[in-house]
Amino acid sequence: MATSTINRNIKLNQVEMRQIKESKAHAVVKTNTKTLSARSVLKRIRKND
């Protein structure tokens, strides 16, 4: 289960990277916040494994 969550987040991050390239600075800040929160979730998942 944890693995599928990680894979989903990796795909999301690739989409976010594309958005960063195509978007303006204020949108990048929003995307970075989302990415950071995803990272903290991943850390929690790894601790539980």
PDB file of N, CA and C in Angstrom:
ATOM      1  N   MET A   1       0.825  -1.205   0.000  1.00  0.00           N
ATOM      2  CA  MET A   1       0.000   0.000   0.000  1.00  0.00           C
ATOM      3  C   MET A   1       0.860   1.256   0.000  1.00  0.00           C
ATOM      4  N   ALA A   2       1.874   1.263   0.848  1.00  0.00           N
ATOM      5  CA  ALA A   2       2.762   2.430   0.907  1.00  0.00           C
ATOM      6  C   ALA A   2       3.437   2.671  -0.441  1.00  0.00           C
ATOM      7  N   THR A   3       3.807   1.575  -1.119  1.00  0.00           N
ATOM      8  CA  THR A   3       4.499   1.708  -2.399  1.00  0.00           C
ATOM      9  C   THR A   3       3.621   2.407  -3.428  1.00  0.00           C
ATOM     10  N   SER A   4       2.340   2.041  -3.489  1.00  0.00           N
ATOM     11  CA  SER A   4       1.456   2.670  -4.479  1.00  0.00           C
ATOM     12  C   SER A   4       1.286   4.159  -4.180  1.00  0.00           C
ATOM     13  N   THR A   5       1.253   4.504  -2.882  1.00  0.00           N
ATOM     14  CA  THR A   5       1.149   5.921  -2.508  1.00  0.00           C
ATOM     15  C   THR A   5       2.387   6.672  -2.982  1.00  0.00           C
ATOM     16  N   ILE A   6       3.557   6.084  -2.785  1.00  0.00           N
ATOM     17  CA  ILE A   6       4.806   6.723  -3.214  1.00  0.00           C
ATOM     18  C   ILE A   6       4.802   6.898  -4.731  1.00  0.00           C
ATOM     19  N   ASN A   7       4.399   5.859  -5.457  1.00  0.00           N
ATOM     20  CA  ASN A   7       4.356   5.946  -6.925  1.00  0.00           C
ATOM     21  C   ASN A   7       3.415   7.046  -7.385  1.00  0.00           C
ATOM     22  N   ARG A   8       2.274   7.160  -6.717  1.00  0.00           N
ATOM     23  CA  ARG A   8       1.319   8.199  -7.074  1.00  0.00           C
ATOM     24  C   ARG A   8       1.932   9.575  -6.848  1.00  0.00           C
ATOM     25  N   ASN A   9       2.657   9.728  -5.739  1.00  0.00           N
ATOM     26  CA  ASN A   9       3.276  11.014  -5.445  1.00  0.00           C
ATOM     27  C   ASN A   9       4.376  11.347  -6.441  1.00  0.00           C
ATOM     28  N   ILE A  10       5.128  10.347  -6.891  1.00  0.00           N
ATOM     29  CA  ILE A  10       6.168  10.589  -7.896  1.00  0.00           C
ATOM     30  C   ILE A  10       5.526  11.106  -9.179  1.00  0.00           C
ATOM     31  N   LYS A  11       4.408  10.499  -9.598  1.00  0.00           N
ATOM     32  CA  LYS A  11       3.710  10.960 -10.799  1.00  0.00           C
ATOM     33  C   LYS A  11       3.214  12.387 -10.614  1.00  0.00           C
ATOM     34  N   LEU A  12       2.650  12.678  -9.449  1.00  0.00           N
ATOM     35  CA  LEU A  12       2.185  14.032  -9.149  1.00  0.00           C
ATOM     36  C   LEU A  12       3.331  15.025  -9.260  1.00  0.00           C
ATOM     37  N   ASN A  13       4.495  14.648  -8.708  1.00  0.00           N
ATOM     38  CA  ASN A  13       5.631  15.562  -8.733  1.00  0.00           C
ATOM     39  C   ASN A  13       6.087  15.846 -10.155  1.00  0.00           C
ATOM     40  N   GLN A  14       6.012  14.852 -11.044  1.00  0.00           N
ATOM     41  CA  GLN A  14       6.368  15.091 -12.442  1.00  0.00           C
ATOM     42  C   GLN A  14       5.407  16.086 -13.081  1.00  0.00           C
ATOM     43  N   VAL A  15       4.125  15.972 -12.757  1.00  0.00           N
ATOM     44  CA  VAL A  15       3.134  16.931 -13.260  1.00  0.00           C
ATOM     45  C   VAL A  15       3.440  18.318 -12.711  1.00  0.00           C
ATOM     46  N   GLU A  16       3.766  18.372 -11.406  1.00  0.00           N
ATOM     47  CA  GLU A  16       4.070  19.656 -10.783  1.00  0.00           C
ATOM     48  C   GLU A  16       5.305  20.306 -11.413  1.00  0.00           C
ATOM     49  N   MET A  17       6.309  19.502 -11.731  1.00  0.00           N
ATOM     50  CA  MET A  17       7.503  20.050 -12.385  1.00  0.00           C
ATOM     51  C   MET A  17       7.126  20.689 -13.720  1.00  0.00           C
ATOM     52  N   ARG A  18       6.242  20.051 -14.464  1.00  0.00           N
ATOM     53  CA  ARG A  18       5.778  20.611 -15.735  1.00  0.00           C
ATOM     54  C   ARG A  18       5.047  21.930 -15.481  1.00  0.00           C
ATOM     55  N   GLN A  19       4.216  21.956 -14.430  1.00  0.00           N
ATOM     56  CA  GLN A  19       3.485  23.172 -14.104  1.00  0.00           C
ATOM     57  C   GLN A  19       4.446  24.301 -13.738  1.00  0.00           C
ATOM     58  N   ILE A  20       5.506  23.965 -13.001  1.00  0.00           N
ATOM     59  CA  ILE A  20       6.497  24.979 -12.612  1.00  0.00           C
ATOM     60  C   ILE A  20       7.111  25.596 -13.870  1.00  0.00           C
ATOM     61  N   LYS A  21       7.472  24.753 -14.834  1.00  0.00           N
ATOM     62  CA  LYS A  21       8.102  25.254 -16.057  1.00  0.00           C
ATOM     63  C   LYS A  21       7.160  26.149 -16.849  1.00  0.00           C
ATOM     64  N   GLU A  22       5.864  25.803 -16.828  1.00  0.00           N
ATOM     65  CA  GLU A  22       4.905  26.533 -17.667  1.00  0.00           C
ATOM     66  C   GLU A  22       4.286  27.732 -16.967  1.00  0.00           C
ATOM     67  N   SER A  23       4.444  27.824 -15.631  1.00  0.00           N
ATOM     68  CA  SER A  23       3.663  28.807 -14.889  1.00  0.00           C
ATOM     69  C   SER A  23       4.502  29.982 -14.413  1.00  0.00           C
ATOM     70  N   LYS A  24       3.833  30.952 -13.795  1.00  0.00           N
ATOM     71  CA  LYS A  24       4.501  32.125 -13.239  1.00  0.00           C
ATOM     72  C   LYS A  24       4.865  31.888 -11.785  1.00  0.00           C
ATOM     73  N   ALA A  25       5.649  32.790 -11.200  1.00  0.00           N
ATOM     74  CA  ALA A  25       6.245  32.585  -9.881  1.00  0.00           C
ATOM     75  C   ALA A  25       5.211  32.288  -8.792  1.00  0.00           C
ATOM     76  N   HIS A  26       4.096  33.006  -8.749  1.00  0.00           N
ATOM     77  CA  HIS A  26       3.137  32.811  -7.654  1.00  0.00           C
ATOM     78  C   HIS A  26       2.537  31.410  -7.672  1.00  0.00           C
ATOM     79  N   ALA A  27       2.371  30.819  -8.854  1.00  0.00           N
ATOM     80  CA  ALA A  27       1.869  29.450  -8.943  1.00  0.00           C
ATOM     81  C   ALA A  27       2.923  28.459  -8.477  1.00  0.00           C
ATOM     82  N   VAL A  28       4.191  28.773  -8.716  1.00  0.00           N
ATOM     83  CA  VAL A  28       5.290  27.903  -8.288  1.00  0.00           C
ATOM     84  C   VAL A  28       5.304  27.783  -6.771  1.00  0.00           C
ATOM     85  N   VAL A  29       5.047  28.897  -6.076  1.00  0.00           N
ATOM     86  CA  VAL A  29       5.030  28.866  -4.614  1.00  0.00           C
ATOM     87  C   VAL A  29       3.964  27.894  -4.117  1.00  0.00           C
ATOM     88  N   LYS A  30       2.775  27.936  -4.710  1.00  0.00           N
ATOM     89  CA  LYS A  30       1.700  27.011  -4.330  1.00  0.00           C
ATOM     90  C   LYS A  30       2.134  25.561  -4.568  1.00  0.00           C
ATOM     91  N   THR A  31       2.747  25.303  -5.720  1.00  0.00           N
ATOM     92  CA  THR A  31       3.167  23.949  -6.070  1.00  0.00           C
ATOM     93  C   THR A  31       4.244  23.470  -5.103  1.00  0.00           C
ATOM     94  N   ASN A  32       5.191  24.340  -4.768  1.00  0.00           N
ATOM     95  CA  ASN A  32       6.247  23.964  -3.830  1.00  0.00           C
ATOM     96  C   ASN A  32       5.675  23.601  -2.466  1.00  0.00           C
ATOM     97  N   THR A  33       4.672  24.330  -2.019  1.00  0.00           N
ATOM     98  CA  THR A  33       4.033  24.017  -0.739  1.00  0.00           C
ATOM     99  C   THR A  33       3.407  22.635  -0.791  1.00  0.00           C
ATOM    100  N   LYS A  34       2.739  22.326  -1.895  1.00  0.00           N
ATOM    101  CA  LYS A  34       2.131  21.001  -2.053  1.00  0.00           C
ATOM    102  C   LYS A  34       3.199  19.913  -2.036  1.00  0.00           C
ATOM    103  N   THR A  35       4.315  20.159  -2.736  1.00  0.00           N
ATOM    104  CA  THR A  35       5.386  19.177  -2.814  1.00  0.00           C
ATOM    105  C   THR A  35       5.983  18.935  -1.430  1.00  0.00           C
ATOM    106  N   LEU A  36       6.186  20.014  -0.663  1.00  0.00           N
ATOM    107  CA  LEU A  36       6.742  19.875   0.680  1.00  0.00           C
ATOM    108  C   LEU A  36       5.822  19.041   1.559  1.00  0.00           C
ATOM    109  N   SER A  37       4.523  19.295   1.498  1.00  0.00           N
ATOM    110  CA  SER A  37       3.592  18.526   2.329  1.00  0.00           C
ATOM    111  C   SER A  37       3.588  17.060   1.892  1.00  0.00           C
ATOM    112  N   ALA A  38       3.712  16.802   0.597  1.00  0.00           N
ATOM    113  CA  ALA A  38       3.785  15.424   0.106  1.00  0.00           C
ATOM    114  C   ALA A  38       5.029  14.742   0.651  1.00  0.00           C
ATOM    115  N   ARG A  39       6.150  15.483   0.720  1.00  0.00           N
ATOM    116  CA  ARG A  39       7.386  14.917   1.259  1.00  0.00           C
ATOM    117  C   ARG A  39       7.229  14.519   2.717  1.00  0.00           C
ATOM    118  N   SER A  40       6.576  15.378   3.519  1.00  0.00           N
ATOM    119  CA  SER A  40       6.405  15.054   4.932  1.00  0.00           C
ATOM    120  C   SER A  40       5.509  13.824   5.100  1.00  0.00           C
ATOM    121  N   VAL A  41       4.509  13.686   4.225  1.00  0.00           N
ATOM    122  CA  VAL A  41       3.661  12.490   4.256  1.00  0.00           C
ATOM    123  C   VAL A  41       4.487  11.250   3.934  1.00  0.00           C
ATOM    124  N   LEU A  42       5.352  11.347   2.926  1.00  0.00           N
ATOM    125  CA  LEU A  42       6.200  10.216   2.554  1.00  0.00           C
ATOM    126  C   LEU A  42       7.118   9.826   3.707  1.00  0.00           C
ATOM    127  N   LYS A  43       7.691  10.809   4.404  1.00  0.00           N
ATOM    128  CA  LYS A  43       8.543  10.505   5.555  1.00  0.00           C
ATOM    129  C   LYS A  43       7.770   9.722   6.601  1.00  0.00           C
ATOM    130  N   ARG A  44       6.520  10.144   6.856  1.00  0.00           N
ATOM    131  CA  ARG A  44       5.690   9.449   7.844  1.00  0.00           C
ATOM    132  C   ARG A  44       5.428   8.017   7.403  1.00  0.00           C
ATOM    133  N   ILE A  45       5.154   7.815   6.106  1.00  0.00           N
ATOM    134  CA  ILE A  45       4.900   6.463   5.580  1.00  0.00           C
ATOM    135  C   ILE A  45       6.137   5.596   5.780  1.00  0.00           C
ATOM    136  N   ARG A  46       7.319   6.138   5.490  1.00  0.00           N
ATOM    137  CA  ARG A  46       8.550   5.361   5.628  1.00  0.00           C
ATOM    138  C   ARG A  46       8.798   4.972   7.085  1.00  0.00           C
ATOM    139  N   LYS A  47       8.509   5.873   8.017  1.00  0.00           N
ATOM    140  CA  LYS A  47       8.665   5.565   9.445  1.00  0.00           C
ATOM    141  C   LYS A  47       7.768   4.409   9.842  1.00  0.00           C
ATOM    142  N   ASN A  48       6.534   4.388   9.305  1.00  0.00           N
ATOM    143  CA  ASN A  48       5.580   3.336   9.653  1.00  0.00           C
ATOM    144  C   ASN A  48       5.990   1.985   9.081  1.00  0.00           C
ATOM    145  N   ASP A  49       6.696   1.972   7.963  1.00  0.00           N
ATOM    146  CA  ASP A  49       7.169   0.710   7.384  1.00  0.00           C
ATOM    147  C   ASP A  49       8.298   0.219   8.204  1.00  0.00           C
TER     148      ASP A  49
END
